[in-house]
C-alpha atoms as a PDB file:
ATOM      1  CA  MET A   1      61.121  33.246 118.519  1.00  0.00           C
ATOM      2  CA  ASP A   2      60.929  37.019 119.056  1.00  0.00           C
ATOM      3  CA  VAL A   3      57.572  38.603 119.893  1.00  0.00           C
ATOM      4  CA  LEU A   4      56.205  41.583 117.953  1.00  0.00           C
ATOM      5  CA  MET A   5      53.705  44.069 119.421  1.00  0.00           C
ATOM      6  CA  PHE A   6      51.029  45.888 117.406  1.00  0.00           C
ATOM      7  CA  HIS A   7      48.596  48.629 118.284  1.00  0.00           C
ATOM      8  CA  ASP A   8      46.864  50.044 115.205  1.00  0.00           C
ATOM      9  CA  LEU A   9      47.736  48.393 111.888  1.00  0.00           C
ATOM     10  CA  ARG A  10      48.777  49.994 108.623  1.00  0.00           C
ATOM     11  CA  ARG A  11      49.562  48.846 105.112  1.00  0.00           C
ATOM     12  CA  GLU A  12      53.341  48.977 105.556  1.00  0.00           C
ATOM     13  CA  HIS A  13      53.214  46.428 108.371  1.00  0.00           C
ATOM     14  CA  PHE A  14      52.260  43.727 105.895  1.00  0.00           C
ATOM     15  CA  GLU A  15      55.479  44.322 103.955  1.00  0.00           C
ATOM     16  CA  LEU A  16      57.516  43.129 106.962  1.00  0.00           C
ATOM     17  CA  PRO A  17      58.701  39.497 107.408  1.00  0.00           C
ATOM     18  CA  LEU A  18      55.985  38.844 110.002  1.00  0.00           C
ATOM     19  CA  ASP A  19      56.323  35.066 109.719  1.00  0.00           C
ATOM     20  CA  ARG A  20      59.562  35.350 111.695  1.00  0.00           C
ATOM     21  CA  PHE A  21      57.723  36.600 114.793  1.00  0.00           C
ATOM     22  CA  ARG A  22      55.063  35.700 117.301  1.00  0.00           C
ATOM     23  CA  LEU A  23      52.467  38.457 116.990  1.00  0.00           C
ATOM     24  CA  THR A  24      50.587  40.212 119.791  1.00  0.00           C
ATOM     25  CA  PHE A  25      47.983  42.981 119.495  1.00  0.00           C
ATOM     26  CA  ASP A  26      47.127  45.454 122.292  1.00  0.00           C
ATOM     27  CA  ASP A  27      43.952  47.340 123.266  1.00  0.00           C
ATOM     28  CA  GLY A  28      41.273  45.551 121.204  1.00  0.00           C
ATOM     29  CA  LEU A  29      41.176  47.929 118.244  1.00  0.00           C
ATOM     30  CA  TYR A  30      38.744  47.308 115.388  1.00  0.00           C
ATOM     31  CA  SER A  31      41.652  47.132 112.959  1.00  0.00           C
ATOM     32  CA  HIS A  32      42.741  43.889 114.670  1.00  0.00           C
ATOM     33  CA  TYR A  33      39.448  42.273 113.709  1.00  0.00           C
ATOM     34  CA  TYR A  34      39.358  43.963 110.302  1.00  0.00           C
ATOM     35  CA  TYR A  35      42.757  42.598 109.247  1.00  0.00           C
ATOM     36  CA  ALA A  36      42.350  39.154 110.836  1.00  0.00           C
ATOM     37  CA  PRO A  37      41.926  37.442 107.399  1.00  0.00           C
ATOM     38  CA  CYS A  38      45.440  38.661 106.502  1.00  0.00           C
ATOM     39  CA  PHE A  39      46.890  36.520 109.283  1.00  0.00           C
ATOM     40  CA  GLU A  40      45.083  33.246 108.568  1.00  0.00           C
ATOM     41  CA  SER A  41      48.252  31.576 107.295  1.00  0.00           C
ATOM     42  CA  HIS A  42      50.579  32.950 109.983  1.00  0.00           C
ATOM     43  CA  PRO A  43      52.634  30.022 111.345  1.00  0.00           C
ATOM     44  CA  GLN A  44      52.264  31.012 115.003  1.00  0.00           C
ATOM     45  CA  VAL A  45      49.263  31.548 117.260  1.00  0.00           C
ATOM     46  CA  LEU A  46      48.105  35.202 117.369  1.00  0.00           C
ATOM     47  CA  THR A  47      47.586  36.820 120.788  1.00  0.00           C
ATOM     48  CA  PHE A  48      45.110  39.677 121.268  1.00  0.00           C
ATOM     49  CA  PHE A  49      45.101  41.619 124.547  1.00  0.00           C
ATOM     50  CA  ILE A  50      41.682  43.173 125.176  1.00  0.00           C
ATOM     51  CA  THR A  51      40.907  46.268 127.270  1.00  0.00           C
ATOM     52  CA  THR A  52      37.463  45.113 128.332  1.00  0.00           C
ATOM     53  CA  ALA A  53      35.892  48.499 129.228  1.00  0.00           C
ATOM     54  CA  PHE A  54      36.548  49.590 125.637  1.00  0.00           C
ATOM     55  CA  ILE A  55      34.601  46.676 124.091  1.00  0.00           C
ATOM     56  CA  ARG A  56      30.972  47.679 123.714  1.00  0.00           C
ATOM     57  CA  PRO A  57      27.857  45.840 122.468  1.00  0.00           C
ATOM     58  CA  GLY A  58      27.411  45.839 118.727  1.00  0.00           C
ATOM     59  CA  ALA A  59      27.305  43.760 115.584  1.00  0.00           C
ATOM     60  CA  ALA A  60      30.383  42.598 113.728  1.00  0.00           C
ATOM     61  CA  ARG A  61      31.546  44.943 110.982  1.00  0.00           C
ATOM     62  CA  ARG A  62      33.261  44.142 107.712  1.00  0.00           C
ATOM     63  CA  VAL A  63      36.721  42.629 107.386  1.00  0.00           C
ATOM     64  CA  PHE A  64      39.580  43.293 104.982  1.00  0.00           C
ATOM     65  CA  SER A  65      38.854  42.685 101.303  1.00  0.00           C
ATOM     66  CA  GLY A  66      41.557  44.850  99.730  1.00  0.00           C
ATOM     67  CA  ARG A  67      40.941  48.309 101.199  1.00  0.00           C
ATOM     68  CA  TYR A  68      43.335  49.531 103.900  1.00  0.00           C
ATOM     69  CA  LEU A  69      42.016  51.558 106.818  1.00  0.00           C
ATOM     70  CA  GLU A  70      43.347  54.963 107.819  1.00  0.00           C
ATOM     71  CA  TYR A  71      46.130  54.511 110.359  1.00  0.00           C
ATOM     72  CA  ARG A  72      46.176  56.332 113.692  1.00  0.00           C
ATOM     73  CA  GLU A  73      48.443  56.040 116.712  1.00  0.00           C
ATOM     74  CA  ALA A  74      46.935  54.344 119.753  1.00  0.00           C
ATOM     75  CA  ALA A  75      46.944  57.620 121.736  1.00  0.00           C
ATOM     76  CA  PHE A  76      44.410  59.111 119.288  1.00  0.00           C
ATOM     77  CA  TYR A  77      41.923  56.338 120.001  1.00  0.00           C
ATOM     78  CA  ALA A  78      42.593  56.387 123.749  1.00  0.00           C
ATOM     79  CA  GLU A  79      41.748  60.093 123.875  1.00  0.00           C
ATOM     80  CA  ARG A  80      38.473  59.583 122.029  1.00  0.00           C
ATOM     81  CA  ALA A  81      37.546  56.690 124.319  1.00  0.00           C
ATOM     82  CA  LEU A  82      38.603  57.997 127.729  1.00  0.00           C
ATOM     83  CA  LEU A  83      37.776  61.674 127.218  1.00  0.00           C
ATOM     84  CA  ASP A  84      34.940  61.655 124.687  1.00  0.00           C
ATOM     85  CA  GLY A  85      33.320  58.281 125.360  1.00  0.00           C
ATOM     86  CA  ASP A  86      33.747  57.267 121.706  1.00  0.00           C
ATOM     87  CA  PHE A  87      34.637  53.572 121.498  1.00  0.00           C
ATOM     88  CA  SER A  88      33.948  53.092 117.791  1.00  0.00           C
ATOM     89  CA  ALA A  89      37.640  52.475 117.047  1.00  0.00           C
ATOM     90  CA  TYR A  90      37.573  49.366 119.231  1.00  0.00           C
ATOM     91  CA  MET A  91      36.059  45.978 118.577  1.00  0.00           C
ATOM     92  CA  THR A  92      32.472  45.208 119.459  1.00  0.00           C
ATOM     93  CA  VAL A  93      31.551  42.243 121.643  1.00  0.00           C
ATOM     94  CA  GLU A  94      30.522  40.231 118.582  1.00  0.00           C
ATOM     95  CA  GLU A  95      33.815  40.988 116.845  1.00  0.00           C
ATOM     96  CA  VAL A  96      35.832  39.751 119.821  1.00  0.00           C
ATOM     97  CA  GLN A  97      33.679  36.640 119.948  1.00  0.00           C
ATOM     98  CA  ARG A  98      34.257  35.933 116.252  1.00  0.00           C
ATOM     99  CA  LEU A  99      37.962  36.605 116.576  1.00  0.00           C
ATOM    100  CA  SER A 100      38.274  34.300 119.592  1.00  0.00           C
ATOM    101  CA  ALA A 101      36.640  31.481 117.613  1.00  0.00           C
ATOM    102  CA  ARG A 102      39.483  31.437 115.089  1.00  0.00           C
ATOM    103  CA  PRO A 103      41.714  28.372 115.567  1.00  0.00           C
ATOM    104  CA  ASN A 104      44.972  30.363 115.565  1.00  0.00           C
ATOM    105  CA  VAL A 105      43.886  33.012 118.113  1.00  0.00           C
ATOM    106  CA  ARG A 106      44.386  33.480 121.855  1.00  0.00           C
ATOM    107  CA  ILE A 107      42.597  36.247 123.761  1.00  0.00           C
ATOM    108  CA  GLY A 108      44.314  37.765 126.777  1.00  0.00           C
ATOM    109  CA  ALA A 109      43.536  40.539 129.249  1.00  0.00           C
ATOM    110  CA  HIS A 110      44.839  44.096 128.926  1.00  0.00           C
ATOM    111  CA  SER A 111      43.105  45.424 132.061  1.00  0.00           C
ATOM    112  CA  HIS A 112      39.574  46.775 132.325  1.00  0.00           C
ATOM    113  CA  PHE A 113      40.107  50.542 132.611  1.00  0.00           C
ATOM    114  CA  HIS A 114      43.621  51.106 131.109  1.00  0.00           C
ATOM    115  CA  ASP A 115      43.931  54.282 133.185  1.00  0.00           C
ATOM    116  CA  VAL A 116      46.715  56.488 134.567  1.00  0.00           C
ATOM    117  CA  THR A 117      47.946  58.011 137.815  1.00  0.00           C
ATOM    118  CA  LEU A 118      50.455  60.657 138.872  1.00  0.00           C
ATOM    119  CA  THR A 119      53.644  59.430 140.518  1.00  0.00           C
ATOM    120  CA  ASP A 120      57.109  60.683 141.378  1.00  0.00           C
ATOM    121  CA  VAL A 121      58.538  57.470 139.883  1.00  0.00           C
ATOM    122  CA  HIS A 122      59.941  58.483 136.504  1.00  0.00           C
ATOM    123  CA  PRO A 123      60.688  56.188 133.561  1.00  0.00           C
ATOM    124  CA  LYS A 124      64.374  55.456 133.101  1.00  0.00           C
ATOM    125  CA  ARG A 125      64.074  56.610 129.504  1.00  0.00           C
ATOM    126  CA  PRO A 126      62.231  59.956 129.394  1.00  0.00           C
ATOM    127  CA  ARG A 127      59.467  60.000 126.800  1.00  0.00           C
ATOM    128  CA  ALA A 128      56.915  62.491 125.564  1.00  0.00           C
ATOM    129  CA  THR A 129      53.613  62.447 127.435  1.00  0.00           C
ATOM    130  CA  SER A 130      50.578  61.832 125.232  1.00  0.00           C
ATOM    131  CA  PRO A 131      48.248  64.865 125.376  1.00  0.00           C
ATOM    132  CA  TRP A 132      45.293  62.674 126.362  1.00  0.00           C
ATOM    133  CA  ARG A 133      47.061  61.669 129.582  1.00  0.00           C
ATOM    134  CA  LEU A 134      47.408  65.308 130.615  1.00  0.00           C
ATOM    135  CA  LYS A 135      43.758  65.920 129.718  1.00  0.00           C
ATOM    136  CA  ARG A 136      42.759  62.847 131.730  1.00  0.00           C
ATOM    137  CA  LEU A 137      44.292  64.563 134.765  1.00  0.00           C
ATOM    138  CA  GLY A 138      42.899  67.953 133.788  1.00  0.00           C
ATOM    139  CA  SER A 139      41.600  68.745 137.266  1.00  0.00           C
ATOM    140  CA  VAL A 140      45.142  68.746 138.673  1.00  0.00           C
ATOM    141  CA  PRO A 141      46.640  72.282 138.688  1.00  0.00           C
ATOM    142  CA  ALA A 142      49.702  72.699 136.507  1.00  0.00           C
ATOM    143  CA  ASP A 143      51.889  73.704 139.465  1.00  0.00           C
ATOM    144  CA  LEU A 144      51.276  70.291 141.070  1.00  0.00           C
ATOM    145  CA  LEU A 145      52.321  68.425 137.936  1.00  0.00           C
ATOM    146  CA  GLY A 146      55.920  69.585 138.153  1.00  0.00           C
ATOM    147  CA  GLY A 147      58.282  66.779 139.003  1.00  0.00           C
ATOM    148  CA  MET A 148      55.586  64.145 138.481  1.00  0.00           C
ATOM    149  CA  SER A 149      55.135  61.486 135.801  1.00  0.00           C
ATOM    150  CA  ILE A 150      51.929  60.054 134.380  1.00  0.00           C
ATOM    151  CA  ARG A 151      52.156  56.268 134.605  1.00  0.00           C
ATOM    152  CA  SER A 152      49.974  53.168 134.712  1.00  0.00           C
ATOM    153  CA  ARG A 153      47.366  53.298 137.475  1.00  0.00           C
ATOM    154  CA  LEU A 154      47.800  49.546 137.933  1.00  0.00           C
ATOM    155  CA  ALA A 155      51.589  49.372 138.039  1.00  0.00           C
ATOM    156  CA  PHE A 156      52.227  52.378 140.327  1.00  0.00           C
ATOM    157  CA  GLN A 157      50.815  53.358 143.695  1.00  0.00           C
ATOM    158  CA  GLY A 158      50.632  56.988 142.627  1.00  0.00           C
ATOM    159  CA  SER A 159      48.674  59.884 144.094  1.00  0.00           C
ATOM    160  CA  GLU A 160      45.074  61.068 144.192  1.00  0.00           C
ATOM    161  CA  PHE A 161      44.014  64.696 143.731  1.00  0.00           C
ATOM    162  CA  SER A 162      41.401  65.915 146.182  1.00  0.00           C
ATOM    163  CA  ALA A 163      40.645  69.071 148.148  1.00  0.00           C
ATOM    164  CA  GLY A 164      43.193  70.991 146.107  1.00  0.00           C
ATOM    165  CA  ARG A 165      46.169  68.789 146.845  1.00  0.00           C
ATOM    166  CA  LEU A 166      47.853  65.560 145.815  1.00  0.00           C
ATOM    167  CA  ARG A 167      47.544  62.784 148.362  1.00  0.00           C
ATOM    168  CA  PRO A 168      49.621  59.596 148.059  1.00  0.00           C
ATOM    169  CA  ARG A 169      47.356  56.626 147.417  1.00  0.00           C
ATOM    170  CA  SER A 170      47.670  54.154 150.264  1.00  0.00           C
ATOM    171  CA  GLU A 171      48.980  50.684 149.554  1.00  0.00           C
ATOM    172  CA  ALA A 172      45.580  49.247 150.476  1.00  0.00           C
ATOM    173  CA  GLU A 173      43.850  51.602 148.027  1.00  0.00           C
ATOM    174  CA  TRP A 174      46.287  50.596 145.296  1.00  0.00           C
ATOM    175  CA  GLU A 175      45.727  46.904 145.920  1.00  0.00           C
ATOM    176  CA  ASP A 176      41.944  47.400 145.981  1.00  0.00           C
ATOM    177  CA  TYR A 177      42.136  49.179 142.626  1.00  0.00           C
ATOM    178  CA  ILE A 178      44.147  46.340 141.068  1.00  0.00           C
ATOM    179  CA  ARG A 179      41.627  43.783 142.337  1.00  0.00           C
ATOM    180  CA  ARG A 180      38.616  45.788 141.198  1.00  0.00           C
ATOM    181  CA  ASP A 181      40.067  46.326 137.718  1.00  0.00           C
ATOM    182  CA  THR A 182      41.004  42.647 137.406  1.00  0.00           C
ATOM    183  CA  GLU A 183      37.660  41.356 138.654  1.00  0.00           C
ATOM    184  CA  LEU A 184      35.737  43.568 136.231  1.00  0.00           C
ATOM    185  CA  CYS A 185      37.978  42.349 133.421  1.00  0.00           C
ATOM    186  CA  LEU A 186      37.404  38.697 134.350  1.00  0.00           C
ATOM    187  CA  GLU A 187      33.661  39.248 134.674  1.00  0.00           C
ATOM    188  CA  TRP A 188      33.648  40.535 131.093  1.00  0.00           C
ATOM    189  CA  PHE A 189      35.510  37.460 129.856  1.00  0.00           C
ATOM    190  CA  ALA A 190      33.140  35.128 131.697  1.00  0.00           C
ATOM    191  CA  ARG A 191      30.014  36.894 130.431  1.00  0.00           C
ATOM    192  CA  HIS A 192      31.005  37.356 126.801  1.00  0.00           C
ATOM    193  CA  LEU A 193      33.569  34.624 126.053  1.00  0.00           C
ATOM    194  CA  ASN A 194      32.705  32.039 128.716  1.00  0.00           C
ATOM    195  CA  ARG A 195      36.348  31.642 129.671  1.00  0.00           C
ATOM    196  CA  GLN A 196      38.963  32.827 132.119  1.00  0.00           C
ATOM    197  CA  PRO A 197      42.137  34.177 130.509  1.00  0.00           C
ATOM    198  CA  ASP A 198      45.600  33.326 131.811  1.00  0.00           C
ATOM    199  CA  LEU A 199      47.479  35.750 129.506  1.00  0.00           C
ATOM    200  CA  TYR A 200      48.041  39.374 130.503  1.00  0.00           C
ATOM    201  CA  GLY A 201      49.499  42.269 128.511  1.00  0.00           C
ATOM    202  CA  PHE A 202      50.375  45.195 130.780  1.00  0.00           C
ATOM    203  CA  PRO A 203      48.797  48.567 129.913  1.00  0.00           C
ATOM    204  CA  PHE A 204      51.508  50.991 128.742  1.00  0.00           C
ATOM    205  CA  ASN A 205      53.882  47.983 129.097  1.00  0.00           C
ATOM    206  CA  GLU A 206      54.349  48.968 132.765  1.00  0.00           C
ATOM    207  CA  TYR A 207      54.300  46.515 135.659  1.00  0.00           C
ATOM    208  CA  SER A 208      55.459  45.991 139.228  1.00  0.00           C
ATOM    209  CA  PRO A 209      56.072  42.977 141.475  1.00  0.00           C
ATOM    210  CA  LYS A 210      52.868  43.784 143.399  1.00  0.00           C
ATOM    211  CA  LEU A 211      50.773  43.879 140.229  1.00  0.00           C
ATOM    212  CA  ILE A 212      52.206  40.558 139.041  1.00  0.00           C
ATOM    213  CA  ALA A 213      51.673  38.926 142.440  1.00  0.00           C
ATOM    214  CA  ILE A 214      48.012  39.969 142.591  1.00  0.00           C
ATOM    215  CA  LEU A 215      47.337  38.956 138.978  1.00  0.00           C
ATOM    216  CA  LYS A 216      48.754  35.501 139.707  1.00  0.00           C
ATOM    217  CA  THR A 217      46.147  35.021 142.452  1.00  0.00           C
ATOM    218  CA  TYR A 218      43.502  35.391 139.717  1.00  0.00           C
ATOM    219  CA  GLY A 219      45.051  32.676 137.565  1.00  0.00           C
ATOM    220  CA  PHE A 220      47.230  34.707 135.207  1.00  0.00           C
ATOM    221  CA  ARG A 221      50.389  32.842 134.258  1.00  0.00           C
ATOM    222  CA  GLU A 222      51.831  34.508 131.147  1.00  0.00           C
ATOM    223  CA  PHE A 223      52.765  38.205 131.161  1.00  0.00           C
ATOM    224  CA  TYR A 224      53.842  40.555 128.338  1.00  0.00           C
ATOM    225  CA  ALA A 225      55.425  44.018 128.345  1.00  0.00           C
ATOM    226  CA  GLY A 226      57.742  46.059 126.116  1.00  0.00           C
ATOM    227  CA  SER A 227      61.302  45.344 125.100  1.00  0.00           C
ATOM    228  CA  SER A 228      63.034  46.380 128.353  1.00  0.00           C
ATOM    229  CA  VAL A 229      61.827  43.775 130.843  1.00  0.00           C
ATOM    230  CA  LYS A 230      63.382  43.434 134.300  1.00  0.00           C
ATOM    231  CA  HIS A 231      61.302  40.551 135.668  1.00  0.00           C
ATOM    232  CA  ALA A 232      61.977  36.907 134.868  1.00  0.00           C
ATOM    233  CA  GLU A 233      58.267  36.142 134.481  1.00  0.00           C
ATOM    234  CA  VAL A 234      57.624  38.886 131.907  1.00  0.00           C
ATOM    235  CA  ILE A 235      57.985  38.271 128.168  1.00  0.00           C
ATOM    236  CA  GLY A 236      59.472  41.188 126.246  1.00  0.00           C
ATOM    237  CA  ARG A 237      58.210  42.405 122.889  1.00  0.00           C
ATOM    238  CA  THR A 238      59.490  44.541 120.018  1.00  0.00           C
ATOM    239  CA  ASP A 239      57.175  47.336 118.875  1.00  0.00           C
ATOM    240  CA  VAL A 240      56.357  46.854 115.195  1.00  0.00           C
ATOM    241  CA  GLU A 241      56.968  50.583 114.671  1.00  0.00           C
ATOM    242  CA  ASP A 242      60.645  49.953 115.421  1.00  0.00           C
ATOM    243  CA  LEU A 243      60.749  47.764 112.301  1.00  0.00           C
ATOM    244  CA  ALA A 244      58.244  49.371 109.958  1.00  0.00           C
ATOM    245  CA  PRO A 245      59.443  51.764 107.216  1.00  0.00           C
END
């Protein structure tokens, strides 16, 4: 059965033949919790990938009872979270806990920080860079950005900006970052859900053999990315926006 990937949810998504797909949800947005009652009769288990640094303490809010929320693209919420420190568009701890208690739900990891780095490794299919990613690297002079791409800080070794120049991140530094991010993510799961996840959805759907190898040492066994997967252990997904009207 094909796998469908959601970020934010909108009314038109519910007009699609969702029963034909396994459904996954990235980032831990509040809309995932809000619309959970709409998926109670879905024939397959639902998988939610949580970015743990975005999940903050707080009470559970209301769920869907007929009113649809305003839809925004994931980049809008990422900018508010990573640049403005506003995490209100993401689930609270109590909401994740309630969601995880549903019998048809699995909770997986989607990293802790969900951050970016500069690299000279370009995507095979050029795509527009979200403005928040450029703002996230705002201290880097524009002349140093030429010829560089903004990619996943976990999947790519990348470069650091310091003392007015870009310095390639050493392999040891890259590995240390992956381990730190993963350990913080697992600590969150242990503290708030009393479990260790074995499902991992890659931030930005980007991955590398090194990232997979390190994640496997922490017990992860099932990995998800976008539709163009090049690794036998990674499960590909179709973005719901490719189907929605």
